[in-house]
Amino acid sequence: MREQAQIDNSAPGFQPASRSLYRHADFMKLWSGETISLFGTRIGSVAMSFAAVITLRATPFQMGLLSAAGYLPSVVLSLVTGAWVDRLRRRPIMILSDLGRTAVLATVPLAAIYGVLTMRHLYLVVLLAALLDLLFDISYRTYLPTLVDREQLLDANSKLTASSSLAEVAGFSICGWLVQWITAPFAILIDALSFLASALAIAIISTPEPSPSGHRVKRALVREIAAGGKAIWSDGRLRALAVVALVEGFFSSLLGALYMLLVVDALGFKPAALGMIFAVGGVSALLGALTAQRVSDWLGTGRAMIVGLAVGGFAMALPPLAHGAGASSVALLVAQQLIGDGALTIYFISSVTLVQTVTPQAILGRVNASLRFLNHSSTLVGLLAGGVAGQFVGLRPTMLVGAAGAWLAAGLLAVSPIRNCRPVGAELRNREGTQR
């Protein structure tokens, strides 16, 4: 019989299911720090693209390389990182990652001051920041189930994603204006400073982190990494998510690599206008985060994920249909943000929570890392392919192919065991009753 996640009411950080997370002091600290850093990240990620497109006049291929730099560390180091995270306490890794991201991002405005900012510098900054993102994200997703009860994970992930959505609304709204007022490199400084707040918030969490299972005799690193892949292969739900991670990563990156070039160069939108359009996506994502629990209870976790991907794919097909910076193009871009972001947010929250729920804690870091490796490996290939195809085939045809990939991913989920997954709370209650 497959090893399933156990509910341990004595684990540190366990909170009764009836207790609101608003009364969970340490979750609130984590949530507050993440909210601030996410606000900065929304500004910084867009500002980085503006710095390349506007300040340094990047080509489609250079934009593909810049995006690819953000995924290379996951391709090379995800599997090792997952095994490492399962051996160590995650909170110190998260704090050091935040401090490192502050230092790395601060070099962009510094280089701009001295007039030495280049695309090579941006490649290096994105590469190092992505390495630190990898350490933080794997640690964070593995740490959260030790801080809150597993039955509260969907609620916790929804709240954290809601913060991301609010940050998207506020960050995107002002990012375009910041880029026009202080230029893109100096807007990135806000992102750098936001990670200091995150590090401080995580540092003052008082709940003791349980000792990693790695305190037992450690196996060879290769065997530990292989155990993560074996856990995914042995569970049909995780195996389906792995396949979708490959498909979705490749096709969505075809669109992602070229989006800024389409809206800035081909359509002619100004940064301030784009910031306001992007903010609409934040509102949609916030609604998706707030309704993820209800949609999961209504449709079931599996069907919620399938519908989320399918609707997201429809929305992705809208931007390539736009021409010029007129009202029709604004309508298409706003519709894409309004429809797609909420749907994909429901998919994201449900998938992350499902992995955290069905995976034993002792191997969760490696499972998260393996799924990230698959997704980012295919994303890296897609970004490079998108950069080349965008330059030689055209922006719009390449982006439409990328949108079709989301429908393919949804179809793969629909014929997998995922379609029968019930709401997470029901799965846990049923499992607990069976164990009794």
Protein backbone atom coordinates (compact mmCIF):
# COMPACT_ATOMS: atom_id res chain seq x y z
CA MET A 1 0.00 0.00 0.00
CA ARG A 2 1.35 3.45 -0.92
CA GLU A 3 2.71 5.58 1.91
CA GLN A 4 0.23 8.36 2.60
CA ALA A 5 0.50 11.61 4.53
CA GLN A 6 -0.30 11.24 8.22
CA ILE A 7 -2.02 13.79 10.44
CA ASP A 8 0.07 14.39 13.56
CA ASN A 9 -1.86 16.42 16.12
CA SER A 10 1.23 16.65 18.30
CA ALA A 11 3.47 18.18 15.65
CA PRO A 12 4.86 21.66 16.37
CA GLY A 13 2.73 24.31 14.84
CA PHE A 14 -0.41 22.15 14.84
CA GLN A 15 -3.54 24.23 15.12
CA PRO A 16 -7.03 22.78 15.55
CA ALA A 17 -8.96 22.96 12.29
CA SER A 18 -11.55 25.19 13.96
CA ARG A 19 -8.98 27.81 14.88
CA SER A 20 -8.71 30.68 12.44
CA LEU A 21 -5.31 31.32 10.91
CA TYR A 22 -5.84 34.97 11.79
CA ARG A 23 -5.23 33.89 15.40
CA HIS A 24 -2.12 31.90 14.49
CA ALA A 25 0.57 34.43 15.47
CA ASP A 26 3.47 32.78 13.69
CA PHE A 27 1.55 32.21 10.47
CA MET A 28 0.62 35.90 10.57
CA LYS A 29 4.32 36.79 10.84
CA LEU A 30 5.14 34.61 7.86
CA TRP A 31 2.19 36.00 5.94
CA SER A 32 3.11 39.62 6.70
CA GLY A 33 6.71 39.18 5.59
CA GLU A 34 5.67 37.41 2.42
CA THR A 35 3.13 40.11 1.61
CA ILE A 36 5.78 42.83 1.76
CA SER A 37 8.32 40.86 -0.26
CA LEU A 38 5.70 39.90 -2.84
CA PHE A 39 4.80 43.57 -3.23
CA GLY A 40 8.44 44.32 -4.01
CA THR A 41 8.74 41.31 -6.29
CA ARG A 42 5.80 42.42 -8.42
CA ILE A 43 7.49 45.76 -8.94
CA GLY A 44 10.94 44.25 -9.44
CA SER A 45 9.98 41.55 -11.93
CA VAL A 46 8.22 43.98 -14.25
CA ALA A 47 10.93 46.59 -13.77
CA MET A 48 13.55 44.03 -14.78
CA SER A 49 11.75 43.44 -18.07
CA PHE A 50 11.37 47.19 -18.62
CA ALA A 51 15.09 47.65 -17.89
CA ALA A 52 15.91 45.16 -20.64
CA VAL A 53 13.35 46.35 -23.20
CA ILE A 54 13.45 50.12 -22.64
CA THR A 55 16.83 50.90 -21.04
CA LEU A 56 18.98 48.35 -22.89
CA ARG A 57 16.86 47.77 -26.04
CA ALA A 58 16.90 43.97 -25.79
CA THR A 59 16.10 41.79 -28.83
CA PRO A 60 13.60 38.88 -28.72
CA PHE A 61 16.48 36.43 -28.36
CA GLN A 62 18.00 38.46 -25.50
CA MET A 63 14.64 38.53 -23.74
CA GLY A 64 14.47 34.77 -24.12
CA LEU A 65 17.94 34.47 -22.57
CA LEU A 66 17.01 36.80 -19.72
CA SER A 67 13.94 34.73 -18.91
CA ALA A 68 15.93 31.52 -19.30
CA ALA A 69 18.49 32.74 -16.74
CA GLY A 70 15.69 32.74 -14.19
CA TYR A 71 15.08 29.03 -14.70
CA LEU A 72 18.60 27.67 -15.15
CA PRO A 73 19.31 27.18 -11.40
CA SER A 74 16.17 25.07 -11.04
CA VAL A 75 17.24 22.86 -13.93
CA VAL A 76 20.75 22.35 -12.57
CA LEU A 77 20.21 22.35 -8.81
CA SER A 78 16.55 21.61 -7.95
CA LEU A 79 17.04 17.93 -7.20
CA VAL A 80 20.08 18.51 -5.01
CA THR A 81 18.31 21.38 -3.25
CA GLY A 82 15.30 19.19 -2.45
CA ALA A 83 17.46 16.53 -0.81
CA TRP A 84 19.39 19.21 1.07
CA VAL A 85 16.23 20.91 2.33
CA ASP A 86 14.90 17.58 3.64
CA ARG A 87 18.09 17.25 5.71
CA LEU A 88 18.19 20.74 7.25
CA ARG A 89 15.97 23.19 9.08
CA ARG A 90 14.19 25.34 6.51
CA ARG A 91 13.74 28.61 8.38
CA PRO A 92 17.46 29.60 8.40
CA ILE A 93 17.66 28.82 4.68
CA MET A 94 14.71 31.12 4.02
CA ILE A 95 16.25 33.98 6.03
CA LEU A 96 19.64 33.71 4.30
CA SER A 97 17.95 33.52 0.90
CA ASP A 98 16.06 36.74 1.57
CA LEU A 99 19.23 38.57 2.64
CA GLY A 100 21.05 37.30 -0.44
CA ARG A 101 18.30 38.52 -2.76
CA THR A 102 18.54 41.97 -1.19
CA ALA A 103 22.27 42.18 -1.95
CA VAL A 104 22.03 40.81 -5.50
CA LEU A 105 19.16 43.04 -6.67
CA ALA A 106 20.73 46.16 -5.16
CA THR A 107 23.57 45.90 -7.70
CA VAL A 108 21.23 46.90 -10.56
CA PRO A 109 20.57 50.52 -9.46
CA LEU A 110 24.22 50.75 -8.36
CA ALA A 111 25.38 49.80 -11.86
CA ALA A 112 22.92 52.28 -13.35
CA ILE A 113 24.36 55.09 -11.22
CA TYR A 114 27.83 54.44 -12.63
CA GLY A 115 26.56 53.93 -16.17
CA VAL A 116 27.79 50.33 -16.49
CA LEU A 117 24.47 48.46 -16.60
CA THR A 118 24.47 45.85 -19.41
CA MET A 119 22.44 42.85 -20.47
CA ARG A 120 25.21 40.62 -19.13
CA HIS A 121 24.75 42.22 -15.73
CA LEU A 122 21.01 41.58 -15.87
CA TYR A 123 21.63 37.97 -16.88
CA LEU A 124 23.87 37.48 -13.85
CA VAL A 125 21.48 39.21 -11.45
CA VAL A 126 18.51 37.16 -12.65
CA LEU A 127 20.60 33.98 -12.45
CA LEU A 128 21.75 34.59 -8.85
CA ALA A 129 18.33 35.80 -7.72
CA ALA A 130 16.77 32.68 -9.24
CA LEU A 131 19.22 30.49 -7.32
CA LEU A 132 18.17 32.16 -4.07
CA ASP A 133 14.49 31.91 -5.12
CA LEU A 134 15.00 28.17 -5.56
CA LEU A 135 16.41 27.79 -2.04
CA PHE A 136 13.62 29.89 -0.54
CA ASP A 137 10.70 28.36 -2.45
CA ILE A 138 11.61 24.71 -1.82
CA SER A 139 12.22 25.49 1.86
CA TYR A 140 9.04 27.52 2.12
CA ARG A 141 6.70 24.93 0.64
CA THR A 142 8.28 22.27 2.85
CA TYR A 143 8.21 24.46 5.95
CA LEU A 144 4.54 25.53 5.76
CA PRO A 145 3.05 22.10 6.66
CA THR A 146 5.17 22.15 9.86
CA LEU A 147 3.74 25.52 10.86
CA VAL A 148 0.01 24.89 10.30
CA ASP A 149 -2.22 21.82 10.40
CA ARG A 150 -2.47 20.06 7.05
CA GLU A 151 -6.23 20.56 7.04
CA GLN A 152 -5.52 24.31 7.05
CA LEU A 153 -3.10 24.18 4.12
CA LEU A 154 -5.61 25.17 1.46
CA ASP A 155 -6.65 28.16 3.59
CA ALA A 156 -3.01 29.09 4.24
CA ASN A 157 -2.03 28.79 0.57
CA SER A 158 -5.10 30.79 -0.40
CA LYS A 159 -4.18 33.60 2.00
CA LEU A 160 -0.59 33.69 0.81
CA THR A 161 -1.71 33.71 -2.82
CA ALA A 162 -4.23 36.44 -2.01
CA SER A 163 -1.32 38.54 -0.77
CA SER A 164 0.44 37.89 -4.05
CA SER A 165 -2.66 39.06 -5.87
CA LEU A 166 -2.98 42.22 -3.78
CA ALA A 167 0.69 42.89 -4.40
CA GLU A 168 0.04 42.41 -8.10
CA VAL A 169 -2.75 45.00 -8.02
CA ALA A 170 -0.74 47.57 -6.06
CA GLY A 171 2.68 46.73 -7.46
CA PHE A 172 1.67 46.70 -11.10
CA SER A 173 -0.43 49.82 -10.63
CA ILE A 174 2.55 51.88 -9.52
CA CYS A 175 5.38 50.02 -11.27
CA GLY A 176 4.73 51.61 -14.65
CA TRP A 177 4.69 55.07 -13.08
CA LEU A 178 7.84 54.32 -11.08
CA VAL A 179 9.63 53.22 -14.25
CA GLN A 180 8.64 56.46 -15.96
CA TRP A 181 9.55 58.62 -12.93
CA ILE A 182 12.74 57.03 -11.59
CA THR A 183 13.63 54.54 -14.40
CA ALA A 184 13.47 50.76 -14.23
CA PRO A 185 16.82 50.09 -12.46
CA PHE A 186 15.82 52.20 -9.47
CA ALA A 187 12.37 50.60 -9.27
CA ILE A 188 14.22 47.30 -8.73
CA LEU A 189 15.69 48.75 -5.51
CA ILE A 190 12.22 48.53 -3.94
CA ASP A 191 12.25 44.80 -4.60
CA ALA A 192 15.66 44.48 -2.97
CA LEU A 193 14.55 46.26 0.21
CA SER A 194 11.33 44.22 0.49
CA PHE A 195 13.32 41.05 1.13
CA LEU A 196 14.76 42.58 4.30
CA ALA A 197 11.23 42.78 5.72
CA SER A 198 10.61 39.15 4.80
CA ALA A 199 13.84 38.03 6.51
CA LEU A 200 12.91 39.91 9.70
CA ALA A 201 9.38 38.48 9.79
CA ILE A 202 10.64 34.91 9.42
CA ALA A 203 13.36 35.48 12.02
CA ILE A 204 10.85 36.40 14.76
CA ILE A 205 8.66 33.29 14.31
CA SER A 206 8.63 31.58 17.72
CA THR A 207 7.22 28.12 16.88
CA PRO A 208 10.12 25.63 17.06
CA GLU A 209 10.75 23.97 13.74
CA PRO A 210 10.70 20.16 14.13
CA SER A 211 13.96 18.35 13.53
CA PRO A 212 14.26 17.18 9.92
CA SER A 213 14.03 13.46 9.38
CA GLY A 214 17.57 13.77 8.07
CA HIS A 215 18.84 13.46 11.66
CA ARG A 216 18.71 9.72 11.10
CA VAL A 217 21.56 8.06 9.23
CA LYS A 218 21.75 9.78 5.89
CA ARG A 219 21.77 7.83 2.67
CA ALA A 220 23.83 8.74 -0.36
CA LEU A 221 22.60 11.96 -1.95
CA VAL A 222 21.82 10.25 -5.25
CA ARG A 223 19.61 7.71 -3.47
CA GLU A 224 17.78 10.47 -1.61
CA ILE A 225 17.16 12.34 -4.86
CA ALA A 226 15.93 9.14 -6.51
CA ALA A 227 13.49 8.62 -3.64
CA GLY A 228 11.74 11.87 -4.60
CA GLY A 229 11.29 10.68 -8.17
CA LYS A 230 10.10 7.26 -6.96
CA ALA A 231 7.47 8.90 -4.73
CA ILE A 232 6.11 10.83 -7.70
CA TRP A 233 6.07 7.80 -9.98
CA SER A 234 4.33 5.57 -7.41
CA ASP A 235 1.40 7.97 -6.90
CA GLY A 236 -0.84 8.47 -9.93
CA ARG A 237 -1.82 11.97 -8.81
CA LEU A 238 1.75 13.15 -8.44
CA ARG A 239 2.70 11.42 -11.68
CA ALA A 240 -0.04 13.35 -13.51
CA LEU A 241 1.17 16.62 -12.01
CA ALA A 242 4.69 15.80 -13.20
CA VAL A 243 3.51 15.30 -16.78
CA VAL A 244 1.50 18.52 -16.68
CA ALA A 245 4.50 20.35 -15.21
CA LEU A 246 6.49 19.41 -18.33
CA VAL A 247 3.76 20.32 -20.80
CA GLU A 248 2.59 23.53 -19.12
CA GLY A 249 6.13 24.73 -18.49
CA PHE A 250 7.16 24.49 -22.14
CA PHE A 251 4.08 26.00 -23.74
CA SER A 252 3.45 28.80 -21.25
CA SER A 253 7.05 29.95 -21.63
CA LEU A 254 6.56 30.41 -25.38
CA LEU A 255 4.09 33.12 -24.48
CA GLY A 256 5.94 34.44 -21.44
CA ALA A 257 9.21 35.01 -23.29
CA LEU A 258 7.56 37.32 -25.81
CA TYR A 259 4.75 39.06 -23.93
CA MET A 260 6.64 42.24 -23.01
CA LEU A 261 7.98 42.58 -26.54
CA LEU A 262 4.45 42.27 -27.91
CA VAL A 263 2.87 44.88 -25.65
CA VAL A 264 5.77 47.38 -25.63
CA ASP A 265 7.33 47.09 -29.09
CA ALA A 266 4.57 45.66 -31.31
CA LEU A 267 1.53 47.28 -29.70
CA GLY A 268 3.22 50.46 -28.43
CA PHE A 269 1.86 50.61 -24.87
CA LYS A 270 3.60 52.86 -22.35
CA PRO A 271 4.79 51.44 -18.99
CA ALA A 272 2.21 53.36 -16.94
CA ALA A 273 -0.70 52.06 -19.04
CA LEU A 274 0.63 48.52 -18.88
CA GLY A 275 0.95 48.77 -15.12
CA MET A 276 -2.75 49.58 -14.82
CA ILE A 277 -3.66 46.71 -17.17
CA PHE A 278 -1.51 44.27 -15.21
CA ALA A 279 -3.22 45.40 -12.00
CA VAL A 280 -6.51 44.02 -13.35
CA GLY A 281 -4.88 40.61 -13.30
CA GLY A 282 -4.10 41.14 -9.65
CA VAL A 283 -7.77 41.77 -8.89
CA SER A 284 -8.70 38.61 -10.78
CA ALA A 285 -6.02 36.57 -9.02
CA LEU A 286 -7.23 37.90 -5.65
CA LEU A 287 -10.75 36.73 -6.44
CA GLY A 288 -9.33 33.37 -7.46
CA ALA A 289 -7.44 33.09 -4.18
CA LEU A 290 -10.48 34.05 -2.12
CA THR A 291 -12.75 31.57 -3.91
CA ALA A 292 -10.28 28.68 -4.31
CA GLN A 293 -11.65 26.87 -1.25
CA ARG A 294 -15.27 27.22 -2.40
CA VAL A 295 -14.48 26.18 -5.96
CA SER A 296 -12.59 23.14 -4.67
CA ASP A 297 -15.51 22.21 -2.39
CA TRP A 298 -17.98 22.70 -5.24
CA LEU A 299 -16.18 21.01 -8.12
CA GLY A 300 -13.68 18.89 -6.26
CA THR A 301 -9.96 19.61 -6.23
CA GLY A 302 -9.28 17.74 -9.48
CA ARG A 303 -12.02 19.34 -11.53
CA ALA A 304 -11.12 22.77 -10.15
CA MET A 305 -7.58 22.28 -11.47
CA ILE A 306 -8.79 21.10 -14.89
CA VAL A 307 -11.20 24.01 -15.31
CA GLY A 308 -8.58 26.49 -14.09
CA LEU A 309 -6.07 25.39 -16.72
CA ALA A 310 -8.62 25.27 -19.53
CA VAL A 311 -9.97 28.75 -18.84
CA GLY A 312 -6.41 30.05 -18.42
CA GLY A 313 -5.52 28.68 -21.86
CA PHE A 314 -8.44 30.52 -23.44
CA ALA A 315 -7.28 33.78 -21.84
CA MET A 316 -3.69 33.29 -23.03
CA ALA A 317 -4.88 33.28 -26.64
CA LEU A 318 -6.24 36.84 -26.41
CA PRO A 319 -3.10 39.08 -26.37
CA PRO A 320 -1.72 37.79 -29.72
CA LEU A 321 -4.98 38.90 -31.34
CA ALA A 322 -4.35 42.55 -30.41
CA HIS A 323 -3.08 45.17 -32.89
CA GLY A 324 -2.05 48.69 -31.93
CA ALA A 325 -2.63 50.48 -28.64
CA GLY A 326 -6.31 51.30 -29.21
CA ALA A 327 -9.43 50.40 -27.26
CA SER A 328 -9.77 46.93 -28.81
CA SER A 329 -6.24 46.00 -27.75
CA VAL A 330 -6.85 47.33 -24.25
CA ALA A 331 -10.01 45.22 -24.07
CA LEU A 332 -8.15 42.08 -25.14
CA LEU A 333 -5.30 42.61 -22.67
CA VAL A 334 -7.68 43.41 -19.82
CA ALA A 335 -9.82 40.36 -20.66
CA GLN A 336 -6.75 38.16 -20.58
CA GLN A 337 -5.81 39.46 -17.14
CA LEU A 338 -9.38 39.36 -15.82
CA ILE A 339 -10.23 35.86 -17.02
CA GLY A 340 -6.89 34.10 -16.95
CA ASP A 341 -5.27 35.18 -13.71
CA GLY A 342 -8.16 34.11 -11.49
CA ALA A 343 -8.53 30.74 -13.20
CA LEU A 344 -4.81 29.95 -13.07
CA THR A 345 -4.66 31.05 -9.43
CA ILE A 346 -7.28 28.44 -8.52
CA TYR A 347 -5.23 25.84 -10.39
CA PHE A 348 -2.01 26.88 -8.62
CA ILE A 349 -3.46 26.89 -5.09
CA SER A 350 -5.16 23.53 -5.59
CA SER A 351 -2.07 21.86 -7.06
CA VAL A 352 0.33 23.14 -4.38
CA THR A 353 -2.04 22.10 -1.60
CA LEU A 354 -2.61 18.68 -3.15
CA VAL A 355 1.13 18.00 -3.24
CA GLN A 356 1.57 19.14 0.37
CA THR A 357 -1.36 16.98 1.46
CA VAL A 358 -0.63 13.65 -0.23
CA THR A 359 3.17 13.69 0.22
CA PRO A 360 4.76 12.46 3.48
CA GLN A 361 6.58 15.29 5.26
CA ALA A 362 9.88 13.40 5.31
CA ILE A 363 10.11 13.52 1.52
CA LEU A 364 8.13 16.66 0.70
CA GLY A 365 11.21 18.76 -0.09
CA ARG A 366 12.39 16.27 -2.69
CA VAL A 367 8.95 15.91 -4.26
CA ASN A 368 8.56 19.69 -4.50
CA ALA A 369 12.06 19.95 -5.96
CA SER A 370 11.46 17.18 -8.50
CA LEU A 371 8.25 18.81 -9.74
CA ARG A 372 10.01 22.17 -9.93
CA PHE A 373 12.90 20.56 -11.85
CA LEU A 374 10.53 19.11 -14.44
CA ASN A 375 8.56 22.33 -14.83
CA HIS A 376 11.55 24.65 -15.01
CA SER A 377 13.53 22.35 -17.31
CA SER A 378 10.74 22.41 -19.87
CA THR A 379 10.26 26.13 -19.23
CA LEU A 380 13.93 26.79 -19.96
CA VAL A 381 13.68 24.93 -23.26
CA GLY A 382 10.46 26.79 -24.06
CA LEU A 383 11.96 30.20 -23.33
CA LEU A 384 14.90 29.58 -25.63
CA ALA A 385 12.60 28.15 -28.30
CA GLY A 386 10.25 31.10 -27.85
CA GLY A 387 13.06 33.60 -28.26
CA VAL A 388 14.22 31.96 -31.49
CA ALA A 389 10.69 31.41 -32.84
CA GLY A 390 9.67 34.95 -31.95
CA GLN A 391 12.57 36.36 -33.94
CA PHE A 392 12.23 34.13 -37.00
CA VAL A 393 8.57 33.01 -37.05
CA GLY A 394 6.89 35.95 -35.36
CA LEU A 395 5.56 36.98 -31.97
CA ARG A 396 1.88 36.21 -32.48
CA PRO A 397 2.07 32.70 -34.01
CA THR A 398 4.51 31.60 -31.32
CA MET A 399 2.32 32.95 -28.52
CA LEU A 400 -0.81 31.25 -29.91
CA VAL A 401 0.99 27.91 -29.86
CA GLY A 402 1.86 28.60 -26.24
CA ALA A 403 -1.78 29.24 -25.37
CA ALA A 404 -2.81 25.93 -26.96
CA GLY A 405 -0.44 24.14 -24.60
CA ALA A 406 -2.60 25.05 -21.61
CA TRP A 407 -5.55 23.22 -23.21
CA LEU A 408 -3.33 20.20 -23.78
CA ALA A 409 -2.29 20.26 -20.10
CA ALA A 410 -5.94 20.49 -19.01
CA GLY A 411 -6.80 17.54 -21.24
CA LEU A 412 -4.02 15.45 -19.71
CA LEU A 413 -5.34 16.20 -16.23
CA ALA A 414 -8.86 15.26 -17.33
CA VAL A 415 -7.78 11.70 -18.21
CA SER A 416 -5.63 11.25 -15.09
CA PRO A 417 -6.48 10.23 -11.49
CA ILE A 418 -6.49 13.96 -10.66
CA ARG A 419 -10.03 14.28 -12.03
CA ASN A 420 -11.34 12.20 -9.10
CA CYS A 421 -9.54 14.11 -6.35
CA ARG A 422 -11.97 15.41 -3.77
CA PRO A 423 -11.60 18.59 -1.68
CA VAL A 424 -8.46 18.37 0.47
CA GLY A 425 -10.37 18.56 3.75
CA ALA A 426 -12.59 15.65 2.73
CA GLU A 427 -9.56 13.57 1.72
CA LEU A 428 -7.92 14.16 5.10
CA ARG A 429 -11.07 13.49 7.12
CA ASN A 430 -11.69 10.27 5.22
CA ARG A 431 -8.08 9.15 5.74
CA GLU A 432 -8.21 9.96 9.45
CA GLY A 433 -11.45 7.99 9.83
CA THR A 434 -9.92 5.01 8.02
CA GLN A 435 -6.87 5.07 10.31
CA ARG A 436 -9.12 5.01 13.38
